[in-house]
């Protein structure tokens, strides 16, 4: 454990982690639940540093069924996920507490939003610098290097740390059919 930076608090059977346990990973993610033969097995929860969690049933280290809950309480639903899509662009806090009046609209679920460093993007779990292609968490600790696909997604999708006049943009979604007058 000391070599990986992990910490284990729990039972052992034949020298292997087994039974009820807490396992702290070097990323500060914590697993609380059942272990068998040194792996997550049975019911257990991963608690992430950002306050989100993943409750799951595990078999030999793999999640076979689970529920992801964001730090604000919103639960992810893979089959019926309509959060901030083209049809309902409200943030979860707006769904729970209502929309703010014009002029003080929210630009993120967090209100007020995080200040993004100049030249960077807020990619949801940290800030992305497109020059270095590094994503650091909100406490300025290294998270990962972005591959080409993630780089393109961030540049296209995420909020940036500067204002930009974009002018008129055609609708991103298919427009409704033209209105026709009905004459009887």
N, C-alpha and C. Protein backbone atom coordinates (compact mmCIF):
# COMPACT_ATOMS: atom_id res chain seq x y z
N UNK A 1 0.81 -1.19 0.00
CA UNK A 1 0.00 0.00 0.00
C UNK A 1 0.86 1.26 0.00
N UNK A 2 1.92 1.25 0.79
CA UNK A 2 2.74 2.46 0.88
C UNK A 2 3.39 2.81 -0.45
N UNK A 3 3.55 1.82 -1.33
CA UNK A 3 4.17 2.09 -2.63
C UNK A 3 3.20 2.79 -3.58
N UNK A 4 1.93 2.53 -3.44
CA UNK A 4 0.94 3.13 -4.33
C UNK A 4 0.33 4.40 -3.75
N UNK A 5 0.55 4.66 -2.49
CA UNK A 5 -0.06 5.82 -1.85
C UNK A 5 -1.47 5.55 -1.37
N UNK A 6 -1.89 4.29 -1.38
CA UNK A 6 -3.23 3.91 -0.94
C UNK A 6 -3.22 3.57 0.55
N UNK A 7 -4.40 3.58 1.15
CA UNK A 7 -4.54 3.22 2.56
C UNK A 7 -5.74 2.29 2.70
N UNK A 8 -5.55 1.20 3.43
CA UNK A 8 -6.62 0.21 3.63
C UNK A 8 -6.92 0.08 5.11
N UNK A 9 -8.20 0.18 5.44
CA UNK A 9 -8.66 -0.06 6.81
C UNK A 9 -9.74 -1.12 6.71
N UNK A 10 -9.44 -2.31 7.20
CA UNK A 10 -10.43 -3.36 7.10
C UNK A 10 -9.88 -4.72 7.48
N UNK A 11 -10.64 -5.73 7.16
CA UNK A 11 -10.31 -7.10 7.54
C UNK A 11 -9.44 -7.76 6.48
N UNK A 12 -8.71 -8.79 6.94
CA UNK A 12 -7.89 -9.61 6.05
C UNK A 12 -8.28 -11.07 6.25
N UNK A 13 -8.28 -11.84 5.18
CA UNK A 13 -8.48 -13.29 5.22
C UNK A 13 -7.36 -13.90 4.39
N UNK A 14 -6.56 -14.75 5.03
CA UNK A 14 -5.41 -15.37 4.36
C UNK A 14 -4.48 -14.33 3.72
N UNK A 15 -4.30 -13.21 4.42
CA UNK A 15 -3.39 -12.17 3.94
C UNK A 15 -3.95 -11.29 2.83
N UNK A 16 -5.20 -11.48 2.48
CA UNK A 16 -5.82 -10.67 1.42
C UNK A 16 -6.92 -9.79 2.02
N UNK A 17 -7.12 -8.63 1.40
CA UNK A 17 -8.18 -7.72 1.85
C UNK A 17 -9.52 -8.40 1.60
N UNK A 18 -10.31 -8.55 2.68
CA UNK A 18 -11.60 -9.22 2.54
C UNK A 18 -12.51 -8.80 3.68
N UNK A 19 -13.81 -8.62 3.37
CA UNK A 19 -14.79 -8.20 4.36
C UNK A 19 -15.11 -6.72 4.22
N UNK A 20 -15.68 -6.15 5.28
CA UNK A 20 -16.01 -4.72 5.29
C UNK A 20 -14.73 -3.91 5.34
N UNK A 21 -14.68 -2.84 4.53
CA UNK A 21 -13.42 -2.10 4.45
C UNK A 21 -13.62 -0.67 3.99
N UNK A 22 -12.56 0.11 4.22
CA UNK A 22 -12.40 1.44 3.62
C UNK A 22 -11.07 1.41 2.89
N UNK A 23 -11.08 1.86 1.66
CA UNK A 23 -9.87 1.87 0.84
C UNK A 23 -9.72 3.27 0.27
N UNK A 24 -8.65 3.96 0.67
CA UNK A 24 -8.41 5.33 0.21
C UNK A 24 -7.35 5.29 -0.89
N UNK A 25 -7.74 5.76 -2.07
CA UNK A 25 -6.82 5.79 -3.21
C UNK A 25 -5.97 7.06 -3.16
N UNK A 26 -4.84 7.08 -3.87
CA UNK A 26 -3.98 8.26 -3.84
C UNK A 26 -4.65 9.51 -4.41
N UNK A 27 -5.70 9.35 -5.19
CA UNK A 27 -6.44 10.49 -5.75
C UNK A 27 -7.43 11.09 -4.76
N UNK A 28 -7.46 10.55 -3.53
CA UNK A 28 -8.38 10.94 -2.47
C UNK A 28 -9.80 10.41 -2.70
N UNK A 29 -9.97 9.53 -3.68
CA UNK A 29 -11.23 8.82 -3.85
C UNK A 29 -11.25 7.71 -2.80
N UNK A 30 -12.41 7.53 -2.15
CA UNK A 30 -12.49 6.53 -1.08
C UNK A 30 -13.57 5.51 -1.43
N UNK A 31 -13.22 4.24 -1.27
CA UNK A 31 -14.19 3.15 -1.42
C UNK A 31 -14.59 2.68 -0.03
N UNK A 32 -15.88 2.56 0.21
CA UNK A 32 -16.39 2.02 1.47
C UNK A 32 -17.36 0.91 1.11
N UNK A 33 -17.03 -0.30 1.56
CA UNK A 33 -17.91 -1.42 1.23
C UNK A 33 -17.23 -2.75 1.42
N UNK A 34 -17.72 -3.73 0.69
CA UNK A 34 -17.24 -5.10 0.82
C UNK A 34 -16.09 -5.38 -0.13
N UNK A 35 -15.15 -6.20 0.36
CA UNK A 35 -13.99 -6.63 -0.43
C UNK A 35 -13.95 -8.16 -0.40
N UNK A 36 -13.40 -8.74 -1.46
CA UNK A 36 -13.17 -10.18 -1.49
C UNK A 36 -11.96 -10.45 -2.36
N UNK A 37 -11.02 -11.20 -1.80
CA UNK A 37 -9.81 -11.56 -2.53
C UNK A 37 -9.07 -10.33 -3.06
N UNK A 38 -9.08 -9.25 -2.26
CA UNK A 38 -8.35 -8.04 -2.62
C UNK A 38 -9.05 -7.13 -3.61
N UNK A 39 -10.31 -7.41 -3.94
CA UNK A 39 -11.05 -6.61 -4.92
C UNK A 39 -12.37 -6.13 -4.34
N UNK A 40 -12.91 -5.04 -4.92
CA UNK A 40 -14.25 -4.60 -4.57
C UNK A 40 -15.18 -5.74 -4.96
N UNK A 41 -16.02 -6.16 -4.01
CA UNK A 41 -16.93 -7.27 -4.29
C UNK A 41 -18.11 -7.18 -3.33
N UNK A 42 -19.32 -7.10 -3.87
CA UNK A 42 -20.50 -6.91 -3.05
C UNK A 42 -20.96 -5.47 -3.15
N UNK A 43 -21.62 -4.97 -2.12
CA UNK A 43 -22.08 -3.59 -2.14
C UNK A 43 -20.97 -2.67 -1.67
N UNK A 44 -20.81 -1.56 -2.39
CA UNK A 44 -19.80 -0.59 -2.02
C UNK A 44 -20.00 0.74 -2.72
N UNK A 45 -19.42 1.77 -2.15
CA UNK A 45 -19.57 3.12 -2.67
C UNK A 45 -18.21 3.76 -2.86
N UNK A 46 -18.03 4.40 -4.02
CA UNK A 46 -16.86 5.23 -4.27
C UNK A 46 -17.26 6.67 -3.99
N UNK A 47 -16.52 7.33 -3.10
CA UNK A 47 -16.73 8.74 -2.79
C UNK A 47 -15.61 9.53 -3.45
N UNK A 48 -15.96 10.48 -4.31
CA UNK A 48 -14.97 11.26 -5.04
C UNK A 48 -14.68 12.58 -4.35
N UNK A 49 -13.47 13.12 -4.54
CA UNK A 49 -13.09 14.37 -3.86
C UNK A 49 -14.02 15.55 -4.16
N UNK A 50 -14.67 15.54 -5.32
CA UNK A 50 -15.54 16.66 -5.67
C UNK A 50 -16.92 16.57 -5.01
N UNK A 51 -17.15 15.53 -4.19
CA UNK A 51 -18.41 15.37 -3.48
C UNK A 51 -19.40 14.44 -4.16
N UNK A 52 -19.08 13.96 -5.35
CA UNK A 52 -19.96 13.00 -6.02
C UNK A 52 -19.69 11.60 -5.50
N UNK A 53 -20.56 10.66 -5.87
CA UNK A 53 -20.41 9.29 -5.38
C UNK A 53 -20.96 8.30 -6.40
N UNK A 54 -20.47 7.06 -6.29
CA UNK A 54 -20.95 5.97 -7.15
C UNK A 54 -21.28 4.80 -6.25
N UNK A 55 -22.58 4.51 -6.09
CA UNK A 55 -23.05 3.38 -5.30
C UNK A 55 -23.23 2.21 -6.25
N UNK A 56 -22.62 1.06 -5.93
CA UNK A 56 -22.67 -0.04 -6.89
C UNK A 56 -22.66 -1.40 -6.22
N UNK A 57 -22.99 -2.38 -7.04
CA UNK A 57 -22.78 -3.78 -6.70
C UNK A 57 -21.58 -4.21 -7.55
N UNK A 58 -20.59 -4.76 -6.88
CA UNK A 58 -19.32 -5.10 -7.53
C UNK A 58 -19.14 -6.61 -7.58
N UNK A 59 -18.53 -7.07 -8.66
CA UNK A 59 -18.15 -8.48 -8.77
C UNK A 59 -16.71 -8.53 -9.27
N UNK A 60 -15.83 -9.07 -8.42
CA UNK A 60 -14.41 -9.22 -8.76
C UNK A 60 -13.80 -7.93 -9.30
N UNK A 61 -14.10 -6.82 -8.61
CA UNK A 61 -13.50 -5.54 -8.96
C UNK A 61 -14.23 -4.73 -10.01
N UNK A 62 -15.26 -5.27 -10.61
CA UNK A 62 -16.01 -4.56 -11.65
C UNK A 62 -17.41 -4.22 -11.17
N UNK A 63 -17.85 -3.01 -11.46
CA UNK A 63 -19.22 -2.61 -11.11
C UNK A 63 -20.18 -3.26 -12.09
N UNK A 64 -21.15 -4.02 -11.58
CA UNK A 64 -22.13 -4.67 -12.45
C UNK A 64 -23.45 -3.90 -12.49
N UNK A 65 -23.70 -3.08 -11.47
CA UNK A 65 -24.88 -2.24 -11.44
C UNK A 65 -24.59 -1.10 -10.48
N UNK A 66 -24.91 0.13 -10.90
CA UNK A 66 -24.61 1.24 -10.01
C UNK A 66 -25.35 2.51 -10.36
N UNK A 67 -25.24 3.47 -9.45
CA UNK A 67 -25.86 4.77 -9.61
C UNK A 67 -24.84 5.84 -9.28
N UNK A 68 -24.66 6.78 -10.23
CA UNK A 68 -23.75 7.91 -10.01
C UNK A 68 -24.59 9.10 -9.57
N UNK A 69 -24.16 9.73 -8.47
CA UNK A 69 -24.84 10.91 -7.95
C UNK A 69 -23.85 12.06 -7.90
N UNK A 70 -24.18 13.16 -8.57
CA UNK A 70 -23.32 14.34 -8.57
C UNK A 70 -23.32 14.98 -7.18
N UNK A 71 -22.36 15.85 -6.94
CA UNK A 71 -22.22 16.46 -5.61
C UNK A 71 -23.44 17.28 -5.21
N UNK A 72 -24.21 17.77 -6.18
CA UNK A 72 -25.40 18.56 -5.86
C UNK A 72 -26.65 17.71 -5.65
N UNK A 73 -26.52 16.38 -5.76
CA UNK A 73 -27.65 15.49 -5.53
C UNK A 73 -28.30 14.96 -6.80
N UNK A 74 -27.95 15.50 -7.95
CA UNK A 74 -28.52 15.03 -9.22
C UNK A 74 -28.01 13.63 -9.51
N UNK A 75 -28.93 12.71 -9.82
CA UNK A 75 -28.55 11.33 -10.16
C UNK A 75 -28.52 11.15 -11.66
N UNK A 76 -27.46 10.50 -12.15
CA UNK A 76 -27.33 10.21 -13.57
C UNK A 76 -28.22 9.03 -13.93
N UNK A 77 -28.96 9.16 -15.03
CA UNK A 77 -29.82 8.10 -15.54
C UNK A 77 -29.44 7.85 -16.99
N UNK A 78 -28.77 6.75 -17.26
CA UNK A 78 -28.25 6.46 -18.60
C UNK A 78 -29.35 6.33 -19.65
N UNK A 79 -30.52 5.87 -19.27
CA UNK A 79 -31.58 5.65 -20.25
C UNK A 79 -32.42 6.90 -20.51
N UNK A 80 -32.61 7.73 -19.52
CA UNK A 80 -33.48 8.89 -19.67
C UNK A 80 -32.75 10.17 -19.26
N UNK A 81 -31.56 10.38 -19.79
CA UNK A 81 -30.75 11.53 -19.40
C UNK A 81 -31.08 12.72 -20.29
N UNK A 82 -31.73 13.73 -19.73
CA UNK A 82 -32.10 14.91 -20.50
C UNK A 82 -31.56 16.18 -19.84
N UNK A 83 -30.53 16.03 -19.04
CA UNK A 83 -30.01 17.19 -18.31
C UNK A 83 -29.23 18.10 -19.25
N UNK A 84 -29.59 19.37 -19.28
CA UNK A 84 -28.92 20.39 -20.10
C UNK A 84 -28.79 19.96 -21.56
N UNK A 85 -29.83 19.35 -22.09
CA UNK A 85 -29.78 18.98 -23.50
C UNK A 85 -30.43 20.09 -24.32
N UNK A 86 -30.62 19.86 -25.59
CA UNK A 86 -31.17 20.90 -26.45
C UNK A 86 -32.61 21.26 -26.16
N UNK A 87 -33.32 20.41 -25.43
CA UNK A 87 -34.73 20.66 -25.16
C UNK A 87 -34.96 21.31 -23.80
N UNK A 88 -34.14 21.02 -22.84
CA UNK A 88 -34.27 21.61 -21.51
C UNK A 88 -32.88 21.97 -21.05
N UNK A 89 -32.52 23.23 -21.17
CA UNK A 89 -31.15 23.65 -20.91
C UNK A 89 -30.96 24.19 -19.49
N UNK A 90 -31.94 23.94 -18.62
CA UNK A 90 -31.80 24.41 -17.24
C UNK A 90 -30.75 23.58 -16.50
N UNK A 91 -30.06 24.25 -15.59
CA UNK A 91 -29.14 23.55 -14.69
C UNK A 91 -29.96 22.93 -13.56
N UNK A 92 -29.35 21.97 -12.87
CA UNK A 92 -30.06 21.26 -11.80
C UNK A 92 -30.54 22.23 -10.72
N UNK A 93 -29.72 23.20 -10.35
CA UNK A 93 -30.15 24.16 -9.33
C UNK A 93 -31.33 24.98 -9.82
N UNK A 94 -31.42 25.24 -11.13
CA UNK A 94 -32.57 25.96 -11.67
C UNK A 94 -33.82 25.08 -11.67
N UNK A 95 -33.64 23.79 -11.90
CA UNK A 95 -34.77 22.86 -11.84
C UNK A 95 -35.31 22.82 -10.41
N UNK A 96 -34.40 22.78 -9.44
CA UNK A 96 -34.81 22.69 -8.03
C UNK A 96 -35.35 24.00 -7.48
N UNK A 97 -34.71 25.13 -7.82
CA UNK A 97 -35.03 26.41 -7.17
C UNK A 97 -35.61 27.46 -8.11
N UNK A 98 -35.78 27.12 -9.38
CA UNK A 98 -36.37 28.06 -10.33
C UNK A 98 -35.32 28.90 -11.06
N UNK A 99 -35.78 29.52 -12.14
CA UNK A 99 -34.91 30.37 -12.94
C UNK A 99 -34.75 31.74 -12.30
N UNK A 100 -33.60 32.35 -12.52
CA UNK A 100 -33.38 33.71 -12.04
C UNK A 100 -33.93 34.68 -13.08
N UNK A 101 -34.18 35.92 -12.67
CA UNK A 101 -34.70 36.89 -13.63
C UNK A 101 -33.68 37.23 -14.71
N UNK A 102 -34.18 37.77 -15.81
CA UNK A 102 -33.30 38.17 -16.92
C UNK A 102 -32.25 39.15 -16.41
N UNK A 103 -31.06 39.02 -16.95
CA UNK A 103 -29.97 39.90 -16.56
C UNK A 103 -29.04 39.29 -15.52
N UNK A 104 -29.54 38.31 -14.75
CA UNK A 104 -28.67 37.63 -13.79
C UNK A 104 -28.77 36.12 -13.96
N UNK A 105 -28.92 35.71 -15.20
CA UNK A 105 -29.04 34.28 -15.52
C UNK A 105 -27.79 33.53 -15.10
N UNK A 106 -27.97 32.25 -14.83
CA UNK A 106 -26.84 31.38 -14.49
C UNK A 106 -26.13 30.92 -15.76
N UNK A 107 -24.80 30.79 -15.69
CA UNK A 107 -24.03 30.25 -16.81
C UNK A 107 -23.48 28.87 -16.47
N UNK A 108 -23.59 28.46 -15.21
CA UNK A 108 -23.20 27.12 -14.77
C UNK A 108 -24.18 26.68 -13.69
N UNK A 109 -24.09 25.42 -13.30
CA UNK A 109 -24.91 24.95 -12.19
C UNK A 109 -24.50 25.62 -10.89
N UNK A 110 -23.21 25.93 -10.76
CA UNK A 110 -22.70 26.60 -9.56
C UNK A 110 -22.93 28.10 -9.73
N UNK A 111 -23.52 28.71 -8.74
CA UNK A 111 -23.81 30.14 -8.82
C UNK A 111 -23.34 30.83 -7.56
N UNK A 112 -22.39 31.75 -7.63
CA UNK A 112 -21.74 32.23 -8.85
C UNK A 112 -20.77 31.18 -9.42
N UNK A 113 -20.47 31.29 -10.72
CA UNK A 113 -19.58 30.31 -11.35
C UNK A 113 -18.13 30.50 -10.93
N UNK A 114 -17.34 29.46 -11.10
CA UNK A 114 -15.90 29.56 -10.83
C UNK A 114 -15.26 30.54 -11.80
N UNK A 115 -14.23 31.23 -11.33
CA UNK A 115 -13.46 32.10 -12.23
C UNK A 115 -12.46 31.22 -12.95
N UNK A 116 -12.49 31.27 -14.27
CA UNK A 116 -11.61 30.44 -15.09
C UNK A 116 -10.33 31.22 -15.37
N UNK A 117 -9.17 30.60 -15.17
CA UNK A 117 -7.91 31.29 -15.48
C UNK A 117 -7.86 31.71 -16.95
N UNK A 118 -7.23 32.84 -17.20
CA UNK A 118 -7.08 33.37 -18.56
C UNK A 118 -6.48 32.31 -19.49
N UNK A 119 -7.09 32.14 -20.65
CA UNK A 119 -6.59 31.20 -21.64
C UNK A 119 -7.02 29.77 -21.41
N UNK A 120 -7.79 29.51 -20.34
CA UNK A 120 -8.18 28.14 -20.00
C UNK A 120 -9.68 27.92 -20.19
N UNK A 121 -10.08 26.67 -20.06
CA UNK A 121 -11.48 26.25 -20.15
C UNK A 121 -11.85 25.50 -18.87
N UNK A 122 -13.12 25.60 -18.46
CA UNK A 122 -13.64 24.80 -17.35
C UNK A 122 -14.25 23.55 -17.96
N UNK A 123 -13.63 22.39 -17.73
CA UNK A 123 -14.09 21.15 -18.38
C UNK A 123 -14.88 20.25 -17.44
N UNK A 124 -15.34 20.79 -16.31
CA UNK A 124 -16.22 20.02 -15.44
C UNK A 124 -15.55 19.43 -14.22
N UNK A 125 -14.32 18.95 -14.38
CA UNK A 125 -13.60 18.43 -13.22
C UNK A 125 -12.30 19.19 -12.98
N UNK A 126 -12.12 20.27 -13.72
CA UNK A 126 -10.93 21.08 -13.56
C UNK A 126 -10.80 22.07 -14.70
N UNK A 127 -9.63 22.73 -14.76
CA UNK A 127 -9.36 23.71 -15.80
C UNK A 127 -8.41 23.13 -16.82
N UNK A 128 -8.70 23.38 -18.09
CA UNK A 128 -7.90 22.86 -19.20
C UNK A 128 -7.14 23.99 -19.86
N UNK A 129 -5.82 23.80 -20.00
CA UNK A 129 -4.97 24.74 -20.72
C UNK A 129 -4.70 24.16 -22.10
N UNK A 130 -5.25 24.75 -23.17
CA UNK A 130 -5.08 24.17 -24.50
C UNK A 130 -3.65 24.26 -25.04
N UNK A 131 -2.83 25.12 -24.47
CA UNK A 131 -1.44 25.22 -24.91
C UNK A 131 -0.64 24.03 -24.40
N UNK A 132 -0.77 23.72 -23.12
CA UNK A 132 -0.03 22.59 -22.54
C UNK A 132 -0.79 21.27 -22.66
N UNK A 133 -2.11 21.37 -22.93
CA UNK A 133 -3.02 20.21 -23.01
C UNK A 133 -3.12 19.47 -21.68
N UNK A 134 -2.98 20.20 -20.59
CA UNK A 134 -3.06 19.63 -19.25
C UNK A 134 -4.35 20.08 -18.58
N UNK A 135 -4.99 19.14 -17.88
CA UNK A 135 -6.16 19.43 -17.06
C UNK A 135 -5.73 19.34 -15.61
N UNK A 136 -5.96 20.44 -14.87
CA UNK A 136 -5.67 20.47 -13.44
C UNK A 136 -6.98 20.61 -12.70
N UNK A 137 -7.07 20.01 -11.51
CA UNK A 137 -8.30 20.12 -10.73
C UNK A 137 -8.45 21.55 -10.23
N UNK A 138 -9.55 21.82 -9.56
CA UNK A 138 -9.84 23.18 -9.12
C UNK A 138 -8.92 23.66 -8.00
N UNK A 139 -8.09 22.77 -7.48
CA UNK A 139 -7.08 23.16 -6.49
C UNK A 139 -5.69 23.21 -7.13
N UNK A 140 -5.67 23.22 -8.48
CA UNK A 140 -4.45 23.36 -9.28
C UNK A 140 -3.53 22.15 -9.22
N UNK A 141 -4.10 20.96 -8.98
CA UNK A 141 -3.32 19.73 -8.99
C UNK A 141 -3.53 19.00 -10.31
N UNK A 142 -2.48 18.40 -10.84
CA UNK A 142 -2.54 17.69 -12.11
C UNK A 142 -3.59 16.58 -12.07
N UNK A 143 -4.44 16.53 -13.11
CA UNK A 143 -5.40 15.44 -13.26
C UNK A 143 -5.00 14.52 -14.40
N UNK A 144 -4.82 15.11 -15.60
CA UNK A 144 -4.49 14.28 -16.76
C UNK A 144 -4.09 15.16 -17.94
N UNK A 145 -3.52 14.52 -18.94
CA UNK A 145 -3.27 15.14 -20.23
C UNK A 145 -4.46 14.83 -21.12
N UNK A 146 -4.92 15.80 -21.88
CA UNK A 146 -6.05 15.58 -22.77
C UNK A 146 -5.57 14.96 -24.08
N UNK A 147 -6.26 13.92 -24.53
CA UNK A 147 -5.95 13.36 -25.84
C UNK A 147 -6.63 14.24 -26.91
N UNK A 148 -6.46 13.91 -28.17
CA UNK A 148 -7.01 14.73 -29.25
C UNK A 148 -8.53 14.85 -29.18
N UNK A 149 -9.21 13.75 -28.88
CA UNK A 149 -10.67 13.78 -28.81
C UNK A 149 -11.16 14.68 -27.67
N UNK A 150 -10.54 14.54 -26.49
CA UNK A 150 -10.97 15.37 -25.36
C UNK A 150 -10.65 16.84 -25.63
N UNK A 151 -9.48 17.11 -26.22
CA UNK A 151 -9.10 18.48 -26.57
C UNK A 151 -10.17 19.11 -27.46
N UNK A 152 -10.56 18.42 -28.52
CA UNK A 152 -11.57 18.94 -29.45
C UNK A 152 -12.90 19.15 -28.75
N UNK A 153 -13.31 18.20 -27.89
CA UNK A 153 -14.57 18.33 -27.18
C UNK A 153 -14.56 19.55 -26.26
N UNK A 154 -13.47 19.74 -25.53
CA UNK A 154 -13.38 20.87 -24.60
C UNK A 154 -13.43 22.19 -25.36
N UNK A 155 -12.65 22.31 -26.43
CA UNK A 155 -12.61 23.55 -27.21
C UNK A 155 -14.00 23.87 -27.78
N UNK A 156 -14.70 22.85 -28.22
CA UNK A 156 -16.01 23.04 -28.85
C UNK A 156 -17.13 23.28 -27.83
N UNK A 157 -17.03 22.67 -26.65
CA UNK A 157 -18.17 22.58 -25.74
C UNK A 157 -18.07 23.41 -24.46
N UNK A 158 -16.88 23.53 -23.89
CA UNK A 158 -16.76 24.04 -22.52
C UNK A 158 -16.64 25.56 -22.45
N UNK A 159 -16.96 26.07 -21.26
CA UNK A 159 -16.89 27.50 -20.98
C UNK A 159 -15.45 27.94 -20.92
N UNK A 160 -15.16 29.09 -21.53
CA UNK A 160 -13.78 29.59 -21.57
C UNK A 160 -13.59 30.76 -20.62
N UNK A 161 -12.33 31.06 -20.32
CA UNK A 161 -12.00 32.10 -19.36
C UNK A 161 -11.89 33.49 -19.96
N UNK A 162 -12.48 33.73 -21.10
CA UNK A 162 -12.45 35.03 -21.73
C UNK A 162 -13.75 35.24 -22.50
N UNK A 163 -14.07 36.50 -22.74
CA UNK A 163 -15.26 36.82 -23.52
C UNK A 163 -14.88 36.90 -24.99
N UNK A 164 -15.82 36.56 -25.81
CA UNK A 164 -15.58 36.54 -27.25
C UNK A 164 -16.87 36.94 -27.95
N UNK A 165 -16.79 37.91 -28.84
CA UNK A 165 -17.97 38.30 -29.60
C UNK A 165 -18.10 37.30 -30.75
N UNK A 166 -19.22 36.62 -30.78
CA UNK A 166 -19.39 35.56 -31.78
C UNK A 166 -20.34 35.95 -32.90
N UNK A 167 -21.09 37.01 -32.73
CA UNK A 167 -22.03 37.39 -33.78
C UNK A 167 -23.17 36.41 -33.89
N UNK A 168 -23.89 36.52 -35.01
CA UNK A 168 -25.04 35.64 -35.24
C UNK A 168 -24.56 34.23 -35.53
N UNK A 169 -25.22 33.27 -34.92
CA UNK A 169 -24.93 31.85 -35.18
C UNK A 169 -26.23 31.17 -35.59
N UNK A 170 -26.20 30.39 -36.66
CA UNK A 170 -27.42 29.66 -37.01
C UNK A 170 -27.75 28.66 -35.90
N UNK A 171 -29.00 28.28 -35.82
CA UNK A 171 -29.41 27.34 -34.79
C UNK A 171 -28.62 26.05 -34.89
N UNK A 172 -28.31 25.48 -33.74
CA UNK A 172 -27.55 24.24 -33.70
C UNK A 172 -28.43 23.02 -33.91
N UNK A 173 -29.73 23.19 -33.75
CA UNK A 173 -30.64 22.07 -33.87
C UNK A 173 -31.53 22.29 -35.08
N UNK A 174 -32.09 21.24 -35.58
CA UNK A 174 -32.95 21.38 -36.75
C UNK A 174 -34.11 22.31 -36.42
N UNK A 175 -34.41 23.17 -37.37
CA UNK A 175 -35.47 24.14 -37.13
C UNK A 175 -36.83 23.49 -37.36
N UNK A 176 -37.84 24.01 -36.68
CA UNK A 176 -39.17 23.45 -36.87
C UNK A 176 -39.65 23.72 -38.29
N UNK A 177 -40.62 22.97 -38.74
CA UNK A 177 -41.14 23.18 -40.09
C UNK A 177 -41.78 24.55 -40.17
N UNK A 178 -41.72 25.18 -41.37
CA UNK A 178 -42.28 26.54 -41.49
C UNK A 178 -43.78 26.53 -41.21
N UNK A 179 -44.26 27.62 -40.65
CA UNK A 179 -45.69 27.73 -40.35
C UNK A 179 -46.45 27.94 -41.65
N UNK A 180 -47.56 27.30 -41.74
CA UNK A 180 -48.40 27.44 -42.92
C UNK A 180 -49.78 27.91 -42.48
N UNK A 181 -50.31 28.80 -43.26
CA UNK A 181 -51.67 29.23 -42.92
C UNK A 181 -52.64 28.16 -43.39
N UNK A 182 -53.67 28.00 -42.64
CA UNK A 182 -54.67 26.98 -42.96
C UNK A 182 -55.92 27.68 -43.47
N UNK A 183 -56.28 27.36 -44.68
CA UNK A 183 -57.48 27.96 -45.26
C UNK A 183 -58.50 26.86 -45.45
N UNK A 184 -59.72 27.07 -44.95
CA UNK A 184 -60.74 26.04 -45.12
C UNK A 184 -61.69 26.44 -46.22
